Amino acid sequence: MAKNIKTGELEVIYNAKENITGLKPPTVKNLEEVTESESTMVWSEVSEGILKKDWERAREAKIVVEEKQRASLKQREASGESWVPKHFLVVKDGKDWDCSPLQPTVPPAPLVIT
């Protein structure tokens, strides 16, 4: 909600409930084509919880994702391994970052939107 400065009335700017009510989660065409780090796999439990309005399930699933990411970072740091993006070349130039795609197009996602 935001106050309209001309009328002084409160107005709805964005109604998330209106926009997510009819959403369905995407389904995977072929599980063999999906890597463990694919967003669909990583965030699937969170998405399911949100779409079913099971906020506790979504919250708990998000915590699991974040804890796995922290553990992965610690493991990489302990072994001296650097994280390398899969689809981009990242170059730091002083305070600036430059990201360039490694391929001219993004490969199609292994998803079906129903």
PDB file of N, CA and C in Angstrom:
ATOM      1  N   MET A   1       0.845  -1.178   0.000  1.00  0.00           N
ATOM      2  CA  MET A   1       0.000   0.000   0.000  1.00  0.00           C
ATOM      3  C   MET A   1       0.890   1.240   0.000  1.00  0.00           C
ATOM      4  N   ALA A   2       0.399   2.246  -0.666  1.00  0.00           N
ATOM      5  CA  ALA A   2       1.106   3.520  -0.707  1.00  0.00           C
ATOM      6  C   ALA A   2       0.075   4.644  -0.676  1.00  0.00           C
ATOM      7  N   LYS A   3       0.484   5.740  -0.112  1.00  0.00           N
ATOM      8  CA  LYS A   3      -0.414   6.880  -0.029  1.00  0.00           C
ATOM      9  C   LYS A   3      -0.301   7.711  -1.300  1.00  0.00           C
ATOM     10  N   ASN A   4      -1.427   7.947  -1.942  1.00  0.00           N
ATOM     11  CA  ASN A   4      -1.480   8.805  -3.118  1.00  0.00           C
ATOM     12  C   ASN A   4      -1.338  10.239  -2.625  1.00  0.00           C
ATOM     13  N   ILE A   5      -0.266  10.913  -3.043  1.00  0.00           N
ATOM     14  CA  ILE A   5      -0.021  12.264  -2.515  1.00  0.00           C
ATOM     15  C   ILE A   5      -1.017  13.299  -3.035  1.00  0.00           C
ATOM     16  N   LYS A   6      -1.697  12.994  -4.131  1.00  0.00           N
ATOM     17  CA  LYS A   6      -2.702  13.934  -4.651  1.00  0.00           C
ATOM     18  C   LYS A   6      -4.024  13.809  -3.905  1.00  0.00           C
ATOM     19  N   THR A   7      -4.440  12.558  -3.604  1.00  0.00           N
ATOM     20  CA  THR A   7      -5.744  12.348  -2.973  1.00  0.00           C
ATOM     21  C   THR A   7      -5.634  12.083  -1.478  1.00  0.00           C
ATOM     22  N   GLY A   8      -4.445  11.665  -1.036  1.00  0.00           N
ATOM     23  CA  GLY A   8      -4.266  11.331   0.375  1.00  0.00           C
ATOM     24  C   GLY A   8      -4.767   9.936   0.731  1.00  0.00           C
ATOM     25  N   GLU A   9      -5.295   9.210  -0.257  1.00  0.00           N
ATOM     26  CA  GLU A   9      -5.835   7.868   0.006  1.00  0.00           C
ATOM     27  C   GLU A   9      -4.765   6.799  -0.180  1.00  0.00           C
ATOM     28  N   LEU A  10      -4.941   5.697   0.579  1.00  0.00           N
ATOM     29  CA  LEU A  10      -4.046   4.554   0.426  1.00  0.00           C
ATOM     30  C   LEU A  10      -4.480   3.732  -0.775  1.00  0.00           C
ATOM     31  N   GLU A  11      -3.499   3.328  -1.598  1.00  0.00           N
ATOM     32  CA  GLU A  11      -3.794   2.551  -2.793  1.00  0.00           C
ATOM     33  C   GLU A  11      -2.913   1.308  -2.842  1.00  0.00           C
ATOM     34  N   VAL A  12      -3.461   0.255  -3.399  1.00  0.00           N
ATOM     35  CA  VAL A  12      -2.690  -0.967  -3.606  1.00  0.00           C
ATOM     36  C   VAL A  12      -1.813  -0.762  -4.830  1.00  0.00           C
ATOM     37  N   ILE A  13      -0.505  -0.976  -4.666  1.00  0.00           N
ATOM     38  CA  ILE A  13       0.425  -0.839  -5.784  1.00  0.00           C
ATOM     39  C   ILE A  13       0.564  -2.176  -6.503  1.00  0.00           C
ATOM     40  N   TYR A  14       0.691  -3.240  -5.716  1.00  0.00           N
ATOM     41  CA  TYR A  14       0.895  -4.570  -6.288  1.00  0.00           C
ATOM     42  C   TYR A  14       0.213  -5.584  -5.383  1.00  0.00           C
ATOM     43  N   ASN A  15      -0.650  -6.385  -5.966  1.00  0.00           N
ATOM     44  CA  ASN A  15      -1.355  -7.406  -5.203  1.00  0.00           C
ATOM     45  C   ASN A  15      -0.751  -8.763  -5.553  1.00  0.00           C
ATOM     46  N   ALA A  16       0.183  -9.217  -4.726  1.00  0.00           N
ATOM     47  CA  ALA A  16       0.879 -10.480  -4.994  1.00  0.00           C
ATOM     48  C   ALA A  16      -0.098 -11.654  -5.001  1.00  0.00           C
ATOM     49  N   LYS A  17      -1.086 -11.633  -4.124  1.00  0.00           N
ATOM     50  CA  LYS A  17      -2.045 -12.734  -4.055  1.00  0.00           C
ATOM     51  C   LYS A  17      -2.754 -12.923  -5.399  1.00  0.00           C
ATOM     52  N   GLU A  18      -3.115 -11.813  -6.032  1.00  0.00           N
ATOM     53  CA  GLU A  18      -3.765 -11.858  -7.342  1.00  0.00           C
ATOM     54  C   GLU A  18      -2.882 -12.544  -8.378  1.00  0.00           C
ATOM     55  N   ASN A  19      -1.592 -12.300  -8.285  1.00  0.00           N
ATOM     56  CA  ASN A  19      -0.667 -12.781  -9.297  1.00  0.00           C
ATOM     57  C   ASN A  19      -0.178 -14.209  -9.076  1.00  0.00           C
ATOM     58  N   ILE A  20      -0.167 -14.702  -7.831  1.00  0.00           N
ATOM     59  CA  ILE A  20       0.338 -16.059  -7.603  1.00  0.00           C
ATOM     60  C   ILE A  20      -0.768 -17.096  -7.464  1.00  0.00           C
ATOM     61  N   THR A  21      -1.998 -16.666  -7.350  1.00  0.00           N
ATOM     62  CA  THR A  21      -3.099 -17.592  -7.126  1.00  0.00           C
ATOM     63  C   THR A  21      -3.167 -18.698  -8.167  1.00  0.00           C
ATOM     64  N   GLY A  22      -3.003 -18.377  -9.444  1.00  0.00           N
ATOM     65  CA  GLY A  22      -3.134 -19.383 -10.487  1.00  0.00           C
ATOM     66  C   GLY A  22      -1.827 -20.034 -10.908  1.00  0.00           C
ATOM     67  N   LEU A  23      -0.736 -19.690 -10.260  1.00  0.00           N
ATOM     68  CA  LEU A  23       0.551 -20.246 -10.662  1.00  0.00           C
ATOM     69  C   LEU A  23       0.675 -21.721 -10.308  1.00  0.00           C
ATOM     70  N   LYS A  24       1.323 -22.460 -11.178  1.00  0.00           N
ATOM     71  CA  LYS A  24       1.638 -23.864 -10.926  1.00  0.00           C
ATOM     72  C   LYS A  24       3.141 -24.008 -11.087  1.00  0.00           C
ATOM     73  N   PRO A  25       3.752 -24.895 -10.307  1.00  0.00           N
ATOM     74  CA  PRO A  25       5.200 -25.055 -10.442  1.00  0.00           C
ATOM     75  C   PRO A  25       5.536 -25.710 -11.778  1.00  0.00           C
ATOM     76  N   PRO A  26       6.683 -25.359 -12.358  1.00  0.00           N
ATOM     77  CA  PRO A  26       7.087 -26.026 -13.591  1.00  0.00           C
ATOM     78  C   PRO A  26       7.430 -27.483 -13.294  1.00  0.00           C
ATOM     79  N   THR A  27       7.292 -28.331 -14.282  1.00  0.00           N
ATOM     80  CA  THR A  27       7.684 -29.729 -14.129  1.00  0.00           C
ATOM     81  C   THR A  27       8.906 -29.984 -14.992  1.00  0.00           C
ATOM     82  N   VAL A  28       9.720 -30.914 -14.566  1.00  0.00           N
ATOM     83  CA  VAL A  28      10.951 -31.237 -15.269  1.00  0.00           C
ATOM     84  C   VAL A  28      10.646 -32.249 -16.358  1.00  0.00           C
ATOM     85  N   LYS A  29      11.121 -31.974 -17.580  1.00  0.00           N
ATOM     86  CA  LYS A  29      10.913 -32.888 -18.709  1.00  0.00           C
ATOM     87  C   LYS A  29      11.608 -34.217 -18.466  1.00  0.00           C
ATOM     88  N   ASN A  30      12.879 -34.145 -18.106  1.00  0.00           N
ATOM     89  CA  ASN A  30      13.683 -35.345 -17.940  1.00  0.00           C
ATOM     90  C   ASN A  30      14.665 -35.106 -16.798  1.00  0.00           C
ATOM     91  N   LEU A  31      14.504 -35.810 -15.691  1.00  0.00           N
ATOM     92  CA  LEU A  31      15.360 -35.598 -14.518  1.00  0.00           C
ATOM     93  C   LEU A  31      16.836 -35.827 -14.820  1.00  0.00           C
ATOM     94  N   GLU A  32      17.136 -36.663 -15.805  1.00  0.00           N
ATOM     95  CA  GLU A  32      18.531 -36.936 -16.145  1.00  0.00           C
ATOM     96  C   GLU A  32      19.223 -35.710 -16.742  1.00  0.00           C
ATOM     97  N   GLU A  33      18.455 -34.774 -17.273  1.00  0.00           N
ATOM     98  CA  GLU A  33      19.016 -33.561 -17.870  1.00  0.00           C
ATOM     99  C   GLU A  33      19.263 -32.460 -16.839  1.00  0.00           C
ATOM    100  N   VAL A  34      18.828 -32.659 -15.619  1.00  0.00           N
ATOM    101  CA  VAL A  34      18.889 -31.617 -14.603  1.00  0.00           C
ATOM    102  C   VAL A  34      20.023 -31.891 -13.625  1.00  0.00           C
ATOM    103  N   THR A  35      20.877 -30.883 -13.445  1.00  0.00           N
ATOM    104  CA  THR A  35      21.960 -31.032 -12.473  1.00  0.00           C
ATOM    105  C   THR A  35      21.446 -30.683 -11.079  1.00  0.00           C
ATOM    106  N   GLU A  36      22.172 -31.123 -10.093  1.00  0.00           N
ATOM    107  CA  GLU A  36      21.784 -30.887  -8.696  1.00  0.00           C
ATOM    108  C   GLU A  36      21.769 -29.405  -8.348  1.00  0.00           C
ATOM    109  N   SER A  37      22.578 -28.610  -9.074  1.00  0.00           N
ATOM    110  CA  SER A  37      22.664 -27.181  -8.781  1.00  0.00           C
ATOM    111  C   SER A  37      21.665 -26.341  -9.580  1.00  0.00           C
ATOM    112  N   GLU A  38      20.867 -26.984 -10.429  1.00  0.00           N
ATOM    113  CA  GLU A  38      19.849 -26.276 -11.215  1.00  0.00           C
ATOM    114  C   GLU A  38      18.851 -25.611 -10.260  1.00  0.00           C
ATOM    115  N   SER A  39      18.511 -24.362 -10.541  1.00  0.00           N
ATOM    116  CA  SER A  39      17.600 -23.616  -9.666  1.00  0.00           C
ATOM    117  C   SER A  39      16.310 -24.381  -9.381  1.00  0.00           C
ATOM    118  N   THR A  40      15.804 -25.060 -10.387  1.00  0.00           N
ATOM    119  CA  THR A  40      14.565 -25.829 -10.219  1.00  0.00           C
ATOM    120  C   THR A  40      14.708 -26.861  -9.109  1.00  0.00           C
ATOM    121  N   MET A  41      15.863 -27.499  -9.058  1.00  0.00           N
ATOM    122  CA  MET A  41      16.100 -28.517  -8.035  1.00  0.00           C
ATOM    123  C   MET A  41      16.381 -27.873  -6.672  1.00  0.00           C
ATOM    124  N   VAL A  42      17.232 -26.861  -6.676  1.00  0.00           N
ATOM    125  CA  VAL A  42      17.642 -26.213  -5.428  1.00  0.00           C
ATOM    126  C   VAL A  42      16.453 -25.600  -4.695  1.00  0.00           C
ATOM    127  N   TRP A  43      15.587 -24.911  -5.427  1.00  0.00           N
ATOM    128  CA  TRP A  43      14.503 -24.149  -4.812  1.00  0.00           C
ATOM    129  C   TRP A  43      13.144 -24.831  -4.898  1.00  0.00           C
ATOM    130  N   SER A  44      13.086 -26.081  -5.343  1.00  0.00           N
ATOM    131  CA  SER A  44      11.794 -26.740  -5.556  1.00  0.00           C
ATOM    132  C   SER A  44      10.944 -26.833  -4.287  1.00  0.00           C
ATOM    133  N   GLU A  45      11.547 -27.195  -3.171  1.00  0.00           N
ATOM    134  CA  GLU A  45      10.775 -27.304  -1.918  1.00  0.00           C
ATOM    135  C   GLU A  45      10.258 -25.941  -1.475  1.00  0.00           C
ATOM    136  N   VAL A  46      11.077 -24.911  -1.647  1.00  0.00           N
ATOM    137  CA  VAL A  46      10.657 -23.553  -1.288  1.00  0.00           C
ATOM    138  C   VAL A  46       9.466 -23.158  -2.159  1.00  0.00           C
ATOM    139  N   SER A  47       9.592 -23.385  -3.463  1.00  0.00           N
ATOM    140  CA  SER A  47       8.516 -23.038  -4.398  1.00  0.00           C
ATOM    141  C   SER A  47       7.224 -23.780  -4.075  1.00  0.00           C
ATOM    142  N   GLU A  48       7.339 -25.071  -3.797  1.00  0.00           N
ATOM    143  CA  GLU A  48       6.144 -25.866  -3.447  1.00  0.00           C
ATOM    144  C   GLU A  48       5.462 -25.287  -2.214  1.00  0.00           C
ATOM    145  N   GLY A  49       6.261 -24.955  -1.200  1.00  0.00           N
ATOM    146  CA  GLY A  49       5.694 -24.388   0.025  1.00  0.00           C
ATOM    147  C   GLY A  49       4.967 -23.078  -0.233  1.00  0.00           C
ATOM    148  N   ILE A  50       5.572 -22.231  -1.049  1.00  0.00           N
ATOM    149  CA  ILE A  50       4.950 -20.943  -1.366  1.00  0.00           C
ATOM    150  C   ILE A  50       3.647 -21.156  -2.131  1.00  0.00           C
ATOM    151  N   LEU A  51       3.690 -21.996  -3.160  1.00  0.00           N
ATOM    152  CA  LEU A  51       2.498 -22.209  -3.977  1.00  0.00           C
ATOM    153  C   LEU A  51       1.358 -22.863  -3.196  1.00  0.00           C
ATOM    154  N   LYS A  52       1.702 -23.653  -2.188  1.00  0.00           N
ATOM    155  CA  LYS A  52       0.671 -24.288  -1.352  1.00  0.00           C
ATOM    156  C   LYS A  52       0.332 -23.440  -0.131  1.00  0.00           C
ATOM    157  N   LYS A  53       0.956 -22.253  -0.072  1.00  0.00           N
ATOM    158  CA  LYS A  53       0.759 -21.330   1.052  1.00  0.00           C
ATOM    159  C   LYS A  53       1.126 -21.968   2.387  1.00  0.00           C
ATOM    160  N   ASP A  54       2.076 -22.899   2.341  1.00  0.00           N
ATOM    161  CA  ASP A  54       2.609 -23.536   3.539  1.00  0.00           C
ATOM    162  C   ASP A  54       3.893 -22.794   3.890  1.00  0.00           C
ATOM    163  N   TRP A  55       3.740 -21.662   4.571  1.00  0.00           N
ATOM    164  CA  TRP A  55       4.845 -20.747   4.818  1.00  0.00           C
ATOM    165  C   TRP A  55       5.927 -21.377   5.679  1.00  0.00           C
ATOM    166  N   GLU A  56       5.539 -22.211   6.612  1.00  0.00           N
ATOM    167  CA  GLU A  56       6.531 -22.872   7.469  1.00  0.00           C
ATOM    168  C   GLU A  56       7.400 -23.814   6.641  1.00  0.00           C
ATOM    169  N   ARG A  57       6.775 -24.572   5.750  1.00  0.00           N
ATOM    170  CA  ARG A  57       7.525 -25.484   4.873  1.00  0.00           C
ATOM    171  C   ARG A  57       8.481 -24.689   3.977  1.00  0.00           C
ATOM    172  N   ALA A  58       8.019 -23.592   3.422  1.00  0.00           N
ATOM    173  CA  ALA A  58       8.855 -22.758   2.562  1.00  0.00           C
ATOM    174  C   ALA A  58      10.027 -22.182   3.350  1.00  0.00           C
ATOM    175  N   ARG A  59       9.750 -21.720   4.556  1.00  0.00           N
ATOM    176  CA  ARG A  59      10.800 -21.137   5.402  1.00  0.00           C
ATOM    177  C   ARG A  59      11.862 -22.179   5.745  1.00  0.00           C
ATOM    178  N   GLU A  60      11.406 -23.361   6.151  1.00  0.00           N
ATOM    179  CA  GLU A  60      12.347 -24.424   6.518  1.00  0.00           C
ATOM    180  C   GLU A  60      13.173 -24.870   5.309  1.00  0.00           C
ATOM    181  N   ALA A  61      12.532 -24.972   4.150  1.00  0.00           N
ATOM    182  CA  ALA A  61      13.243 -25.374   2.934  1.00  0.00           C
ATOM    183  C   ALA A  61      14.285 -24.323   2.552  1.00  0.00           C
ATOM    184  N   LYS A  62      13.948 -23.057   2.728  1.00  0.00           N
ATOM    185  CA  LYS A  62      14.891 -21.974   2.426  1.00  0.00           C
ATOM    186  C   LYS A  62      16.104 -22.058   3.346  1.00  0.00           C
ATOM    187  N   ILE A  63      15.877 -22.361   4.601  1.00  0.00           N
ATOM    188  CA  ILE A  63      16.978 -22.508   5.559  1.00  0.00           C
ATOM    189  C   ILE A  63      17.897 -23.649   5.121  1.00  0.00           C
ATOM    190  N   VAL A  64      17.325 -24.754   4.676  1.00  0.00           N
ATOM    191  CA  VAL A  64      18.123 -25.894   4.209  1.00  0.00           C
ATOM    192  C   VAL A  64      18.990 -25.478   3.021  1.00  0.00           C
ATOM    193  N   VAL A  65      18.410 -24.758   2.058  1.00  0.00           N
ATOM    194  CA  VAL A  65      19.161 -24.294   0.888  1.00  0.00           C
ATOM    195  C   VAL A  65      20.327 -23.409   1.335  1.00  0.00           C
ATOM    196  N   GLU A  66      20.037 -22.460   2.218  1.00  0.00           N
ATOM    197  CA  GLU A  66      21.073 -21.534   2.674  1.00  0.00           C
ATOM    198  C   GLU A  66      22.179 -22.261   3.432  1.00  0.00           C
ATOM    199  N   GLU A  67      21.818 -23.238   4.268  1.00  0.00           N
ATOM    200  CA  GLU A  67      22.826 -23.989   5.018  1.00  0.00           C
ATOM    201  C   GLU A  67      23.717 -24.814   4.086  1.00  0.00           C
ATOM    202  N   LYS A  68      23.121 -25.400   3.044  1.00  0.00           N
ATOM    203  CA  LYS A  68      23.913 -26.151   2.063  1.00  0.00           C
ATOM    204  C   LYS A  68      24.882 -25.231   1.337  1.00  0.00           C
ATOM    205  N   GLN A  69      24.412 -24.025   0.985  1.00  0.00           N
ATOM    206  CA  GLN A  69      25.283 -23.067   0.298  1.00  0.00           C
ATOM    207  C   GLN A  69      26.438 -22.633   1.198  1.00  0.00           C
ATOM    208  N   ARG A  70      26.165 -22.405   2.479  1.00  0.00           N
ATOM    209  CA  ARG A  70      27.226 -22.026   3.422  1.00  0.00           C
ATOM    210  C   ARG A  70      28.234 -23.161   3.591  1.00  0.00           C
ATOM    211  N   ALA A  71      27.733 -24.395   3.697  1.00  0.00           N
ATOM    212  CA  ALA A  71      28.622 -25.557   3.856  1.00  0.00           C
ATOM    213  C   ALA A  71      29.499 -25.729   2.616  1.00  0.00           C
ATOM    214  N   SER A  72      28.915 -25.539   1.449  1.00  0.00           N
ATOM    215  CA  SER A  72      29.664 -25.648   0.200  1.00  0.00           C
ATOM    216  C   SER A  72      30.767 -24.591   0.136  1.00  0.00           C
ATOM    217  N   LEU A  73      30.453 -23.375   0.547  1.00  0.00           N
ATOM    218  CA  LEU A  73      31.440 -22.299   0.571  1.00  0.00           C
ATOM    219  C   LEU A  73      32.582 -22.648   1.526  1.00  0.00           C
ATOM    220  N   LYS A  74      32.252 -23.121   2.724  1.00  0.00           N
ATOM    221  CA  LYS A  74      33.285 -23.491   3.703  1.00  0.00           C
ATOM    222  C   LYS A  74      34.193 -24.586   3.150  1.00  0.00           C
ATOM    223  N   GLN A  75      33.584 -25.562   2.482  1.00  0.00           N
ATOM    224  CA  GLN A  75      34.348 -26.667   1.912  1.00  0.00           C
ATOM    225  C   GLN A  75      35.300 -26.153   0.820  1.00  0.00           C
ATOM    226  N   ARG A  76      34.801 -25.262  -0.050  1.00  0.00           N
ATOM    227  CA  ARG A  76      35.659 -24.693  -1.093  1.00  0.00           C
ATOM    228  C   ARG A  76      36.796 -23.876  -0.485  1.00  0.00           C
ATOM    229  N   GLU A  77      36.478 -23.078   0.534  1.00  0.00           N
ATOM    230  CA  GLU A  77      37.507 -22.256   1.174  1.00  0.00           C
ATOM    231  C   GLU A  77      38.567 -23.125   1.838  1.00  0.00           C
ATOM    232  N   ALA A  78      38.147 -24.213   2.501  1.00  0.00           N
ATOM    233  CA  ALA A  78      39.077 -25.114   3.182  1.00  0.00           C
ATOM    234  C   ALA A  78      40.015 -25.809   2.199  1.00  0.00           C
ATOM    235  N   SER A  79      39.509 -26.105   1.011  1.00  0.00           N
ATOM    236  CA  SER A  79      40.335 -26.801   0.015  1.00  0.00           C
ATOM    237  C   SER A  79      41.057 -25.842  -0.926  1.00  0.00           C
ATOM    238  N   GLY A  80      40.799 -24.527  -0.774  1.00  0.00           N
ATOM    239  CA  GLY A  80      41.431 -23.536  -1.633  1.00  0.00           C
ATOM    240  C   GLY A  80      40.826 -23.467  -3.019  1.00  0.00           C
ATOM    241  N   GLU A  81      39.681 -24.091  -3.191  1.00  0.00           N
ATOM    242  CA  GLU A  81      39.010 -24.121  -4.485  1.00  0.00           C
ATOM    243  C   GLU A  81      38.224 -22.826  -4.700  1.00  0.00           C
ATOM    244  N   SER A  82      38.292 -22.293  -5.909  1.00  0.00           N
ATOM    245  CA  SER A  82      37.517 -21.108  -6.258  1.00  0.00           C
ATOM    246  C   SER A  82      36.238 -21.533  -6.969  1.00  0.00           C
ATOM    247  N   TRP A  83      35.175 -20.781  -6.737  1.00  0.00           N
ATOM    248  CA  TRP A  83      33.926 -21.042  -7.458  1.00  0.00           C
ATOM    249  C   TRP A  83      34.042 -20.403  -8.829  1.00  0.00           C
ATOM    250  N   VAL A  84      33.705 -21.155  -9.843  1.00  0.00           N
ATOM    251  CA  VAL A  84      33.765 -20.659 -11.217  1.00  0.00           C
ATOM    252  C   VAL A  84      32.366 -20.714 -11.808  1.00  0.00           C
ATOM    253  N   PRO A  85      31.821 -19.569 -12.259  1.00  0.00           N
ATOM    254  CA  PRO A  85      30.489 -19.576 -12.863  1.00  0.00           C
ATOM    255  C   PRO A  85      30.451 -20.481 -14.095  1.00  0.00           C
ATOM    256  N   LYS A  86      29.326 -21.135 -14.283  1.00  0.00           N
ATOM    257  CA  LYS A  86      29.160 -22.085 -15.376  1.00  0.00           C
ATOM    258  C   LYS A  86      28.891 -21.399 -16.723  1.00  0.00           C
ATOM    259  N   HIS A  87      28.171 -20.303 -16.716  1.00  0.00           N
ATOM    260  CA  HIS A  87      27.742 -19.678 -17.960  1.00  0.00           C
ATOM    261  C   HIS A  87      28.349 -18.297 -18.231  1.00  0.00           C
ATOM    262  N   PHE A  88      29.175 -17.768 -17.298  1.00  0.00           N
ATOM    263  CA  PHE A  88      29.719 -16.427 -17.454  1.00  0.00           C
ATOM    264  C   PHE A  88      31.202 -16.384 -17.125  1.00  0.00           C
ATOM    265  N   LEU A  89      31.879 -15.458 -17.745  1.00  0.00           N
ATOM    266  CA  LEU A  89      33.247 -15.124 -17.397  1.00  0.00           C
ATOM    267  C   LEU A  89      33.144 -13.868 -16.538  1.00  0.00           C
ATOM    268  N   VAL A  90      33.716 -13.913 -15.349  1.00  0.00           N
ATOM    269  CA  VAL A  90      33.630 -12.784 -14.429  1.00  0.00           C
ATOM    270  C   VAL A  90      35.038 -12.233 -14.215  1.00  0.00           C
ATOM    271  N   VAL A  91      35.187 -10.931 -14.447  1.00  0.00           N
ATOM    272  CA  VAL A  91      36.481 -10.278 -14.289  1.00  0.00           C
ATOM    273  C   VAL A  91      36.303  -9.085 -13.360  1.00  0.00           C
ATOM    274  N   LYS A  92      37.163  -9.020 -12.339  1.00  0.00           N
ATOM    275  CA  LYS A  92      37.112  -7.881 -11.423  1.00  0.00           C
ATOM    276  C   LYS A  92      38.209  -6.899 -11.830  1.00  0.00           C
ATOM    277  N   ASP A  93      37.812  -5.646 -11.982  1.00  0.00           N
ATOM    278  CA  ASP A  93      38.742  -4.588 -12.364  1.00  0.00           C
ATOM    279  C   ASP A  93      38.635  -3.493 -11.316  1.00  0.00           C
ATOM    280  N   GLY A  94      39.479  -3.557 -10.315  1.00  0.00           N
ATOM    281  CA  GLY A  94      39.390  -2.606  -9.208  1.00  0.00           C
ATOM    282  C   GLY A  94      38.111  -2.854  -8.424  1.00  0.00           C
ATOM    283  N   LYS A  95      37.246  -1.849  -8.368  1.00  0.00           N
ATOM    284  CA  LYS A  95      35.967  -1.994  -7.673  1.00  0.00           C
ATOM    285  C   LYS A  95      34.869  -2.497  -8.593  1.00  0.00           C
ATOM    286  N   ASP A  96      35.137  -2.509  -9.910  1.00  0.00           N
ATOM    287  CA  ASP A  96      34.119  -2.890 -10.890  1.00  0.00           C
ATOM    288  C   ASP A  96      34.213  -4.370 -11.252  1.00  0.00           C
ATOM    289  N   TRP A  97      33.081  -4.915 -11.658  1.00  0.00           N
ATOM    290  CA  TRP A  97      32.996  -6.294 -12.128  1.00  0.00           C
ATOM    291  C   TRP A  97      32.468  -6.283 -13.551  1.00  0.00           C
ATOM    292  N   ASP A  98      32.995  -7.176 -14.369  1.00  0.00           N
ATOM    293  CA  ASP A  98      32.510  -7.322 -15.733  1.00  0.00           C
ATOM    294  C   ASP A  98      32.118  -8.775 -15.944  1.00  0.00           C
ATOM    295  N   CYS A  99      30.889  -9.005 -16.345  1.00  0.00           N
ATOM    296  CA  CYS A  99      30.399 -10.360 -16.598  1.00  0.00           C
ATOM    297  C   CYS A  99      30.080 -10.498 -18.079  1.00  0.00           C
ATOM    298  N   SER A 100      30.640 -11.526 -18.685  1.00  0.00           N
ATOM    299  CA  SER A 100      30.386 -11.783 -20.098  1.00  0.00           C
ATOM    300  C   SER A 100      29.913 -13.214 -20.264  1.00  0.00           C
ATOM    301  N   PRO A 101      28.889 -13.438 -21.083  1.00  0.00           N
ATOM    302  CA  PRO A 101      28.419 -14.808 -21.300  1.00  0.00           C
ATOM    303  C   PRO A 101      29.476 -15.632 -22.032  1.00  0.00           C
ATOM    304  N   LEU A 102      29.600 -16.909 -21.665  1.00  0.00           N
ATOM    305  CA  LEU A 102      30.546 -17.795 -22.328  1.00  0.00           C
ATOM    306  C   LEU A 102      29.999 -18.311 -23.655  1.00  0.00           C
ATOM    307  N   GLN A 103      28.675 -18.327 -23.790  1.00  0.00           N
ATOM    308  CA  GLN A 103      28.035 -18.789 -25.017  1.00  0.00           C
ATOM    309  C   GLN A 103      27.122 -17.686 -25.534  1.00  0.00           C
ATOM    310  N   PRO A 104      26.884 -17.652 -26.851  1.00  0.00           N
ATOM    311  CA  PRO A 104      26.031 -16.591 -27.392  1.00  0.00           C
ATOM    312  C   PRO A 104      24.560 -16.721 -26.982  1.00  0.00           C
ATOM    313  N   THR A 105      24.122 -17.925 -26.633  1.00  0.00           N
ATOM    314  CA  THR A 105      22.733 -18.110 -26.190  1.00  0.00           C
ATOM    315  C   THR A 105      22.711 -18.966 -24.933  1.00  0.00           C
ATOM    316  N   VAL A 106      21.645 -18.871 -24.202  1.00  0.00           N
ATOM    317  CA  VAL A 106      21.463 -19.678 -22.998  1.00  0.00           C
ATOM    318  C   VAL A 106      20.813 -20.998 -23.413  1.00  0.00           C
ATOM    319  N   PRO A 107      21.347 -22.135 -22.922  1.00  0.00           N
ATOM    320  CA  PRO A 107      20.714 -23.400 -23.289  1.00  0.00           C
ATOM    321  C   PRO A 107      19.287 -23.476 -22.749  1.00  0.00           C
ATOM    322  N   PRO A 108      18.395 -24.158 -23.444  1.00  0.00           N
ATOM    323  CA  PRO A 108      17.013 -24.245 -22.980  1.00  0.00           C
ATOM    324  C   PRO A 108      16.911 -24.985 -21.648  1.00  0.00           C
ATOM    325  N   ALA A 109      16.023 -24.522 -20.814  1.00  0.00           N
ATOM    326  CA  ALA A 109      15.806 -25.169 -19.522  1.00  0.00           C
ATOM    327  C   ALA A 109      15.036 -26.467 -19.728  1.00  0.00           C
ATOM    328  N   PRO A 110      15.336 -27.480 -18.935  1.00  0.00           N
ATOM    329  CA  PRO A 110      14.630 -28.755 -19.074  1.00  0.00           C
ATOM    330  C   PRO A 110      13.283 -28.764 -18.337  1.00  0.00           C
ATOM    331  N   LEU A 111      12.474 -27.728 -18.591  1.00  0.00           N
ATOM    332  CA  LEU A 111      11.225 -27.569 -17.856  1.00  0.00           C
ATOM    333  C   LEU A 111      10.034 -27.499 -18.792  1.00  0.00           C
ATOM    334  N   VAL A 112       8.899 -27.883 -18.241  1.00  0.00           N
ATOM    335  CA  VAL A 112       7.632 -27.722 -18.936  1.00  0.00           C
ATOM    336  C   VAL A 112       6.748 -26.864 -18.032  1.00  0.00           C
ATOM    337  N   ILE A 113       6.254 -25.767 -18.542  1.00  0.00           N
ATOM    338  CA  ILE A 113       5.369 -24.891 -17.778  1.00  0.00           C
ATOM    339  C   ILE A 113       3.934 -25.251 -18.159  1.00  0.00           C
ATOM    340  N   THR A 114       3.171 -25.646 -17.145  1.00  0.00           N
ATOM    341  CA  THR A 114       1.771 -26.052 -17.428  1.00  0.00           C
ATOM    342  C   THR A 114       0.802 -24.961 -17.056  1.00  0.00           C
TER     343      THR A 114
END
